[in-house]
Amino acid sequence: AAGSDALQTNAIYREFVTSVGGGSRLQARAG
């Protein structure tokens, strides 16, 4: 659970996913 949560809340990863056209569900889960 820690590995999953740490990745989904990581700002660098979220920015990368958004820049390649993903991320809406990722942002919701991170919130």
Full PDB file with SEQRES, HELIX, SHEET, SSBOND, CRYST1, ORIGX, SCALE, CONECT and MASTER records, all heavy atoms in Angstrom:
SEQRES   1 A   31  ALA ALA GLY SER ASP ALA LEU GLN THR ASN ALA ILE TYR          
SEQRES   2 A   31  ARG GLU PHE VAL THR SER VAL GLY GLY GLY SER ARG LEU          
SEQRES   3 A   31  GLN ALA ARG ALA GLY                                          
HELIX    1 AA1 ALA A    2  GLN A    8  1                                   7    
HELIX    2 AA2 ALA A   11  SER A   19  1                                   9    
HELIX    3 AA3 SER A   24  ALA A   30  1                                   7    
CRYST1    1.000    1.000    1.000  90.00  90.00  90.00 P 1           1          
ORIGX1      1.000000  0.000000  0.000000        0.00000                         
ORIGX2      0.000000  1.000000  0.000000        0.00000                         
ORIGX3      0.000000  0.000000  1.000000        0.00000                         
SCALE1      1.000000  0.000000  0.000000        0.00000                         
SCALE2      0.000000  1.000000  0.000000        0.00000                         
SCALE3      0.000000  0.000000  1.000000        0.00000                         
ATOM      1  N   ALA A   1       0.829  -1.211   0.000  1.00  0.00           N  
ATOM      2  CA  ALA A   1       0.000   0.000   0.000  1.00  0.00           C  
ATOM      3  C   ALA A   1       0.859   1.255   0.000  1.00  0.00           C  
ATOM      4  O   ALA A   1       0.539   2.248  -0.668  1.00  0.00           O  
ATOM      5  CB  ALA A   1      -0.930  -0.008   1.215  1.00  0.00           C  
ATOM      6  N   ALA A   2       1.977   1.209   0.719  1.00  0.00           N  
ATOM      7  CA  ALA A   2       2.872   2.366   0.781  1.00  0.00           C  
ATOM      8  C   ALA A   2       3.474   2.669  -0.585  1.00  0.00           C  
ATOM      9  O   ALA A   2       3.576   3.832  -0.995  1.00  0.00           O  
ATOM     10  CB  ALA A   2       3.979   2.114   1.801  1.00  0.00           C  
ATOM     11  N   GLY A   3       3.893   1.629  -1.315  1.00  0.00           N  
ATOM     12  CA  GLY A   3       4.460   1.844  -2.643  1.00  0.00           C  
ATOM     13  C   GLY A   3       3.459   2.474  -3.589  1.00  0.00           C  
ATOM     14  O   GLY A   3       3.796   3.392  -4.354  1.00  0.00           O  
ATOM     15  N   SER A   4       2.232   1.991  -3.543  1.00  0.00           N  
ATOM     16  CA  SER A   4       1.182   2.535  -4.400  1.00  0.00           C  
ATOM     17  C   SER A   4       0.883   3.990  -4.048  1.00  0.00           C  
ATOM     18  O   SER A   4       0.827   4.866  -4.919  1.00  0.00           O  
ATOM     19  CB  SER A   4      -0.084   1.686  -4.263  1.00  0.00           C  
ATOM     20  OG  SER A   4      -1.158   2.250  -4.988  1.00  0.00           O  
ATOM     21  N   ASP A   5       0.696   4.262  -2.754  1.00  0.00           N  
ATOM     22  CA  ASP A   5       0.359   5.622  -2.321  1.00  0.00           C  
ATOM     23  C   ASP A   5       1.486   6.608  -2.598  1.00  0.00           C  
ATOM     24  O   ASP A   5       1.252   7.752  -3.007  1.00  0.00           O  
ATOM     25  CB  ASP A   5       0.029   5.627  -0.824  1.00  0.00           C  
ATOM     26  CG  ASP A   5      -1.257   4.892  -0.494  1.00  0.00           C  
ATOM     27  OD1 ASP A   5      -2.026   4.594  -1.437  1.00  0.00           O  
ATOM     28  OD2 ASP A   5      -1.494   4.600   0.697  1.00  0.00           O  
ATOM     29  N   ALA A   6       2.721   6.179  -2.363  1.00  0.00           N  
ATOM     30  CA  ALA A   6       3.862   7.078  -2.568  1.00  0.00           C  
ATOM     31  C   ALA A   6       4.000   7.461  -4.041  1.00  0.00           C  
ATOM     32  O   ALA A   6       4.348   8.605  -4.360  1.00  0.00           O  
ATOM     33  CB  ALA A   6       5.153   6.432  -2.058  1.00  0.00           C  
ATOM     34  N   LEU A   7       3.716   6.531  -4.945  1.00  0.00           N  
ATOM     35  CA  LEU A   7       3.819   6.852  -6.371  1.00  0.00           C  
ATOM     36  C   LEU A   7       2.685   7.771  -6.804  1.00  0.00           C  
ATOM     37  O   LEU A   7       2.923   8.784  -7.476  1.00  0.00           O  
ATOM     38  CB  LEU A   7       3.813   5.580  -7.211  1.00  0.00           C  
ATOM     39  CG  LEU A   7       3.932   5.819  -8.725  1.00  0.00           C  
ATOM     40  CD1 LEU A   7       5.244   6.517  -9.070  1.00  0.00           C  
ATOM     41  CD2 LEU A   7       3.816   4.507  -9.494  1.00  0.00           C  
ATOM     42  N   GLN A   8       1.460   7.443  -6.415  1.00  0.00           N  
ATOM     43  CA  GLN A   8       0.326   8.228  -6.912  1.00  0.00           C  
ATOM     44  C   GLN A   8       0.321   9.653  -6.376  1.00  0.00           C  
ATOM     45  O   GLN A   8      -0.241  10.555  -7.001  1.00  0.00           O  
ATOM     46  CB  GLN A   8      -1.002   7.542  -6.593  1.00  0.00           C  
ATOM     47  CG  GLN A   8      -1.381   7.537  -5.126  1.00  0.00           C  
ATOM     48  CD  GLN A   8      -2.764   6.949  -4.900  1.00  0.00           C  
ATOM     49  OE1 GLN A   8      -3.673   7.639  -4.457  1.00  0.00           O  
ATOM     50  NE2 GLN A   8      -2.911   5.677  -5.213  1.00  0.00           N  
ATOM     51  N   THR A   9       0.975   9.909  -5.235  1.00  0.00           N  
ATOM     52  CA  THR A   9       1.023  11.262  -4.687  1.00  0.00           C  
ATOM     53  C   THR A   9       2.311  11.997  -5.047  1.00  0.00           C  
ATOM     54  O   THR A   9       2.488  13.156  -4.655  1.00  0.00           O  
ATOM     55  CB  THR A   9       0.877  11.232  -3.153  1.00  0.00           C  
ATOM     56  OG1 THR A   9       1.905  10.404  -2.588  1.00  0.00           O  
ATOM     57  CG2 THR A   9      -0.475  10.691  -2.742  1.00  0.00           C  
ATOM     58  N   ASN A  10       3.211  11.355  -5.790  1.00  0.00           N  
ATOM     59  CA  ASN A  10       4.479  11.977  -6.136  1.00  0.00           C  
ATOM     60  C   ASN A  10       4.262  13.041  -7.219  1.00  0.00           C  
ATOM     61  O   ASN A  10       3.739  12.758  -8.298  1.00  0.00           O  
ATOM     62  CB  ASN A  10       5.461  10.915  -6.629  1.00  0.00           C  
ATOM     63  CG  ASN A  10       6.828  11.487  -6.923  1.00  0.00           C  
ATOM     64  OD1 ASN A  10       7.089  11.976  -8.011  1.00  0.00           O  
ATOM     65  ND2 ASN A  10       7.714  11.422  -5.944  1.00  0.00           N  
ATOM     66  N   ALA A  11       4.677  14.271  -6.945  1.00  0.00           N  
ATOM     67  CA  ALA A  11       4.410  15.394  -7.839  1.00  0.00           C  
ATOM     68  C   ALA A  11       5.100  15.218  -9.192  1.00  0.00           C  
ATOM     69  O   ALA A  11       4.536  15.573 -10.237  1.00  0.00           O  
ATOM     70  CB  ALA A  11       4.855  16.698  -7.182  1.00  0.00           C  
ATOM     71  N   ILE A  12       6.321  14.681  -9.193  1.00  0.00           N  
ATOM     72  CA  ILE A  12       7.054  14.509 -10.451  1.00  0.00           C  
ATOM     73  C   ILE A  12       6.359  13.480 -11.332  1.00  0.00           C  
ATOM     74  O   ILE A  12       6.207  13.669 -12.548  1.00  0.00           O  
ATOM     75  CB  ILE A  12       8.508  14.098 -10.171  1.00  0.00           C  
ATOM     76  CG1 ILE A  12       9.249  15.221  -9.450  1.00  0.00           C  
ATOM     77  CG2 ILE A  12       9.238  13.724 -11.467  1.00  0.00           C  
ATOM     78  CD1 ILE A  12      10.637  14.845  -8.979  1.00  0.00           C  
ATOM     79  N   TYR A  13       5.894  12.394 -10.713  1.00  0.00           N  
ATOM     80  CA  TYR A  13       5.183  11.369 -11.474  1.00  0.00           C  
ATOM     81  C   TYR A  13       3.862  11.908 -12.013  1.00  0.00           C  
ATOM     82  O   TYR A  13       3.520  11.689 -13.185  1.00  0.00           O  
ATOM     83  CB  TYR A  13       4.941  10.152 -10.583  1.00  0.00           C  
ATOM     84  CG  TYR A  13       4.127   9.055 -11.236  1.00  0.00           C  
ATOM     85  CD1 TYR A  13       4.623   8.347 -12.330  1.00  0.00           C  
ATOM     86  CD2 TYR A  13       2.862   8.720 -10.760  1.00  0.00           C  
ATOM     87  CE1 TYR A  13       3.879   7.339 -12.928  1.00  0.00           C  
ATOM     88  CE2 TYR A  13       2.120   7.709 -11.348  1.00  0.00           C  
ATOM     89  CZ  TYR A  13       2.628   7.023 -12.439  1.00  0.00           C  
ATOM     90  OH  TYR A  13       1.891   6.029 -13.027  1.00  0.00           O  
ATOM     91  N   ARG A  14       3.113  12.642 -11.199  1.00  0.00           N  
ATOM     92  CA  ARG A  14       1.832  13.189 -11.652  1.00  0.00           C  
ATOM     93  C   ARG A  14       2.041  14.149 -12.823  1.00  0.00           C  
ATOM     94  O   ARG A  14       1.277  14.151 -13.785  1.00  0.00           O  
ATOM     95  CB  ARG A  14       1.117  13.899 -10.500  1.00  0.00           C  
ATOM     96  CG  ARG A  14       0.688  12.986  -9.368  1.00  0.00           C  
ATOM     97  CD  ARG A  14      -0.453  13.587  -8.561  1.00  0.00           C  
ATOM     98  NE  ARG A  14      -0.220  14.981  -8.204  1.00  0.00           N  
ATOM     99  CZ  ARG A  14       0.410  15.384  -7.110  1.00  0.00           C  
ATOM    100  NH1 ARG A  14       0.898  14.475  -6.270  1.00  0.00           N  
ATOM    101  NH2 ARG A  14       0.551  16.662  -6.851  1.00  0.00           N  
ATOM    102  N   GLU A  15       3.072  14.971 -12.740  1.00  0.00           N  
ATOM    103  CA  GLU A  15       3.364  15.907 -13.829  1.00  0.00           C  
ATOM    104  C   GLU A  15       3.716  15.150 -15.108  1.00  0.00           C  
ATOM    105  O   GLU A  15       3.269  15.522 -16.208  1.00  0.00           O  
ATOM    106  CB  GLU A  15       4.523  16.817 -13.434  1.00  0.00           C  
ATOM    107  CG  GLU A  15       4.915  17.818 -14.516  1.00  0.00           C  
ATOM    108  CD  GLU A  15       6.140  18.633 -14.141  1.00  0.00           C  
ATOM    109  OE1 GLU A  15       6.650  18.474 -13.011  1.00  0.00           O  
ATOM    110  OE2 GLU A  15       6.607  19.423 -14.990  1.00  0.00           O  
ATOM    111  N   PHE A  16       4.481  14.080 -14.969  1.00  0.00           N  
ATOM    112  CA  PHE A  16       4.848  13.284 -16.142  1.00  0.00           C  
ATOM    113  C   PHE A  16       3.611  12.672 -16.790  1.00  0.00           C  
ATOM    114  O   PHE A  16       3.437  12.745 -18.011  1.00  0.00           O  
ATOM    115  CB  PHE A  16       5.828  12.190 -15.727  1.00  0.00           C  
ATOM    116  CG  PHE A  16       6.142  11.208 -16.816  1.00  0.00           C  
ATOM    117  CD1 PHE A  16       7.078  11.506 -17.798  1.00  0.00           C  
ATOM    118  CD2 PHE A  16       5.495   9.977 -16.874  1.00  0.00           C  
ATOM    119  CE1 PHE A  16       7.358  10.601 -18.816  1.00  0.00           C  
ATOM    120  CE2 PHE A  16       5.766   9.067 -17.884  1.00  0.00           C  
ATOM    121  CZ  PHE A  16       6.705   9.387 -18.857  1.00  0.00           C  
ATOM    122  N   VAL A  17       2.760  12.053 -15.981  1.00  0.00           N  
ATOM    123  CA  VAL A  17       1.564  11.402 -16.528  1.00  0.00           C  
ATOM    124  C   VAL A  17       0.670  12.421 -17.231  1.00  0.00           C  
ATOM    125  O   VAL A  17       0.148  12.171 -18.328  1.00  0.00           O  
ATOM    126  CB  VAL A  17       0.797  10.670 -15.413  1.00  0.00           C  
ATOM    127  CG1 VAL A  17      -0.537  10.147 -15.931  1.00  0.00           C  
ATOM    128  CG2 VAL A  17       1.629   9.513 -14.860  1.00  0.00           C  
ATOM    129  N   THR A  18       0.501  13.592 -16.628  1.00  0.00           N  
ATOM    130  CA  THR A  18      -0.315  14.634 -17.248  1.00  0.00           C  
ATOM    131  C   THR A  18       0.274  15.085 -18.574  1.00  0.00           C  
ATOM    132  O   THR A  18      -0.446  15.315 -19.554  1.00  0.00           O  
ATOM    133  CB  THR A  18      -0.439  15.838 -16.300  1.00  0.00           C  
ATOM    134  OG1 THR A  18      -1.046  15.421 -15.078  1.00  0.00           O  
ATOM    135  CG2 THR A  18      -1.289  16.934 -16.929  1.00  0.00           C  
ATOM    136  N   SER A  19       1.605  15.185 -18.641  1.00  0.00           N  
ATOM    137  CA  SER A  19       2.271  15.676 -19.856  1.00  0.00           C  
ATOM    138  C   SER A  19       2.146  14.706 -21.020  1.00  0.00           C  
ATOM    139  O   SER A  19       2.334  15.111 -22.176  1.00  0.00           O  
ATOM    140  CB  SER A  19       3.752  15.947 -19.573  1.00  0.00           C  
ATOM    141  OG  SER A  19       4.481  14.739 -19.436  1.00  0.00           O  
ATOM    142  N   VAL A  20       1.836  13.438 -20.744  1.00  0.00           N  
ATOM    143  CA  VAL A  20       1.706  12.462 -21.829  1.00  0.00           C  
ATOM    144  C   VAL A  20       0.252  12.067 -22.059  1.00  0.00           C  
ATOM    145  O   VAL A  20      -0.030  11.055 -22.698  1.00  0.00           O  
ATOM    146  CB  VAL A  20       2.571  11.206 -21.563  1.00  0.00           C  
ATOM    147  CG1 VAL A  20       4.036  11.581 -21.536  1.00  0.00           C  
ATOM    148  CG2 VAL A  20       2.179  10.500 -20.262  1.00  0.00           C  
ATOM    149  N   GLY A  21      -0.672  12.860 -21.491  1.00  0.00           N  
ATOM    150  CA  GLY A  21      -2.078  12.665 -21.811  1.00  0.00           C  
ATOM    151  C   GLY A  21      -2.858  11.789 -20.867  1.00  0.00           C  
ATOM    152  O   GLY A  21      -3.962  11.349 -21.189  1.00  0.00           O  
ATOM    153  N   GLY A  22      -2.338  11.519 -19.675  1.00  0.00           N  
ATOM    154  CA  GLY A  22      -3.082  10.746 -18.687  1.00  0.00           C  
ATOM    155  C   GLY A  22      -3.286  11.580 -17.448  1.00  0.00           C  
ATOM    156  O   GLY A  22      -3.033  12.781 -17.436  1.00  0.00           O  
ATOM    157  N   GLY A  23      -3.807  10.938 -16.400  1.00  0.00           N  
ATOM    158  CA  GLY A  23      -3.732  11.592 -15.109  1.00  0.00           C  
ATOM    159  C   GLY A  23      -5.003  12.000 -14.423  1.00  0.00           C  
ATOM    160  O   GLY A  23      -4.967  12.331 -13.242  1.00  0.00           O  
ATOM    161  N   SER A  24      -6.174  12.030 -15.095  1.00  0.00           N  
ATOM    162  CA  SER A  24      -7.369  12.509 -14.403  1.00  0.00           C  
ATOM    163  C   SER A  24      -7.730  11.599 -13.234  1.00  0.00           C  
ATOM    164  O   SER A  24      -7.985  12.067 -12.124  1.00  0.00           O  
ATOM    165  CB  SER A  24      -8.543  12.604 -15.394  1.00  0.00           C  
ATOM    166  OG  SER A  24      -8.770  11.350 -16.014  1.00  0.00           O  
ATOM    167  N   ARG A  25      -7.752  10.290 -13.469  1.00  0.00           N  
ATOM    168  CA  ARG A  25      -8.057   9.367 -12.380  1.00  0.00           C  
ATOM    169  C   ARG A  25      -6.922   9.331 -11.363  1.00  0.00           C  
ATOM    170  O   ARG A  25      -7.149   9.167 -10.166  1.00  0.00           O  
ATOM    171  CB  ARG A  25      -8.308   7.972 -12.938  1.00  0.00           C  
ATOM    172  CG  ARG A  25      -9.551   7.882 -13.812  1.00  0.00           C  
ATOM    173  CD  ARG A  25      -9.790   6.461 -14.313  1.00  0.00           C  
ATOM    174  NE  ARG A  25     -10.948   6.389 -15.180  1.00  0.00           N  
ATOM    175  CZ  ARG A  25     -11.375   5.274 -15.753  1.00  0.00           C  
ATOM    176  NH1 ARG A  25     -10.724   4.142 -15.566  1.00  0.00           N  
ATOM    177  NH2 ARG A  25     -12.436   5.301 -16.533  1.00  0.00           N  
ATOM    178  N   LEU A  26      -5.689   9.487 -11.860  1.00  0.00           N  
ATOM    179  CA  LEU A  26      -4.544   9.522 -10.958  1.00  0.00           C  
ATOM    180  C   LEU A  26      -4.677  10.680  -9.986  1.00  0.00           C  
ATOM    181  O   LEU A  26      -4.458  10.538  -8.790  1.00  0.00           O  
ATOM    182  CB  LEU A  26      -3.257   9.655 -11.762  1.00  0.00           C  
ATOM    183  CG  LEU A  26      -1.965   9.843 -10.957  1.00  0.00           C  
ATOM    184  CD1 LEU A  26      -1.648   8.575 -10.174  1.00  0.00           C  
ATOM    185  CD2 LEU A  26      -0.804  10.208 -11.872  1.00  0.00           C  
ATOM    186  N   GLN A  27      -5.060  11.873 -10.483  1.00  0.00           N  
ATOM    187  CA  GLN A  27      -5.204  13.039  -9.624  1.00  0.00           C  
ATOM    188  C   GLN A  27      -6.294  12.804  -8.585  1.00  0.00           C  
ATOM    189  O   GLN A  27      -6.143  13.187  -7.421  1.00  0.00           O  
ATOM    190  CB  GLN A  27      -5.561  14.269 -10.482  1.00  0.00           C  
ATOM    191  CG  GLN A  27      -4.498  14.656 -11.493  1.00  0.00           C  
ATOM    192  CD  GLN A  27      -3.318  15.369 -10.848  1.00  0.00           C  
ATOM    193  OE1 GLN A  27      -3.293  15.561  -9.635  1.00  0.00           O  
ATOM    194  NE2 GLN A  27      -2.341  15.734 -11.651  1.00  0.00           N  
ATOM    195  N   ALA A  28      -7.394  12.163  -8.998  1.00  0.00           N  
ATOM    196  CA  ALA A  28      -8.485  11.898  -8.064  1.00  0.00           C  
ATOM    197  C   ALA A  28      -8.044  10.940  -6.963  1.00  0.00           C  
ATOM    198  O   ALA A  28      -8.332  11.150  -5.782  1.00  0.00           O  
ATOM    199  CB  ALA A  28      -9.694  11.335  -8.818  1.00  0.00           C  
ATOM    200  N   ARG A  29      -7.332   9.878  -7.344  1.00  0.00           N  
ATOM    201  CA  ARG A  29      -6.861   8.918  -6.337  1.00  0.00           C  
ATOM    202  C   ARG A  29      -5.853   9.561  -5.406  1.00  0.00           C  
ATOM    203  O   ARG A  29      -5.842   9.302  -4.204  1.00  0.00           O  
ATOM    204  CB  ARG A  29      -6.229   7.702  -7.017  1.00  0.00           C  
ATOM    205  CG  ARG A  29      -7.215   6.797  -7.702  1.00  0.00           C  
ATOM    206  CD  ARG A  29      -6.641   5.396  -7.901  1.00  0.00           C  
ATOM    207  NE  ARG A  29      -5.338   5.430  -8.521  1.00  0.00           N  
ATOM    208  CZ  ARG A  29      -5.122   5.502  -9.830  1.00  0.00           C  
ATOM    209  NH1 ARG A  29      -6.147   5.584 -10.655  1.00  0.00           N  
ATOM    210  NH2 ARG A  29      -3.895   5.503 -10.326  1.00  0.00           N  
ATOM    211  N   ALA A  30      -4.955  10.397  -5.965  1.00  0.00           N  
ATOM    212  CA  ALA A  30      -3.954  11.060  -5.135  1.00  0.00           C  
ATOM    213  C   ALA A  30      -4.621  11.973  -4.121  1.00  0.00           C  
ATOM    214  O   ALA A  30      -4.226  12.032  -2.952  1.00  0.00           O  
ATOM    215  CB  ALA A  30      -2.994  11.851  -6.023  1.00  0.00           C  
ATOM    216  N   GLY A  31      -5.678  12.699  -4.556  1.00  0.00           N  
ATOM    217  CA  GLY A  31      -6.393  13.566  -3.625  1.00  0.00           C  
ATOM    218  C   GLY A  31      -7.055  12.774  -2.513  1.00  0.00           C  
ATOM    219  O   GLY A  31      -7.025  13.162  -1.343  1.00  0.00           O  
TER     220      GLY A  31                                                      
MASTER        0    0    0    3    0    0    0    6  219    1    0    3          
END                                                                             
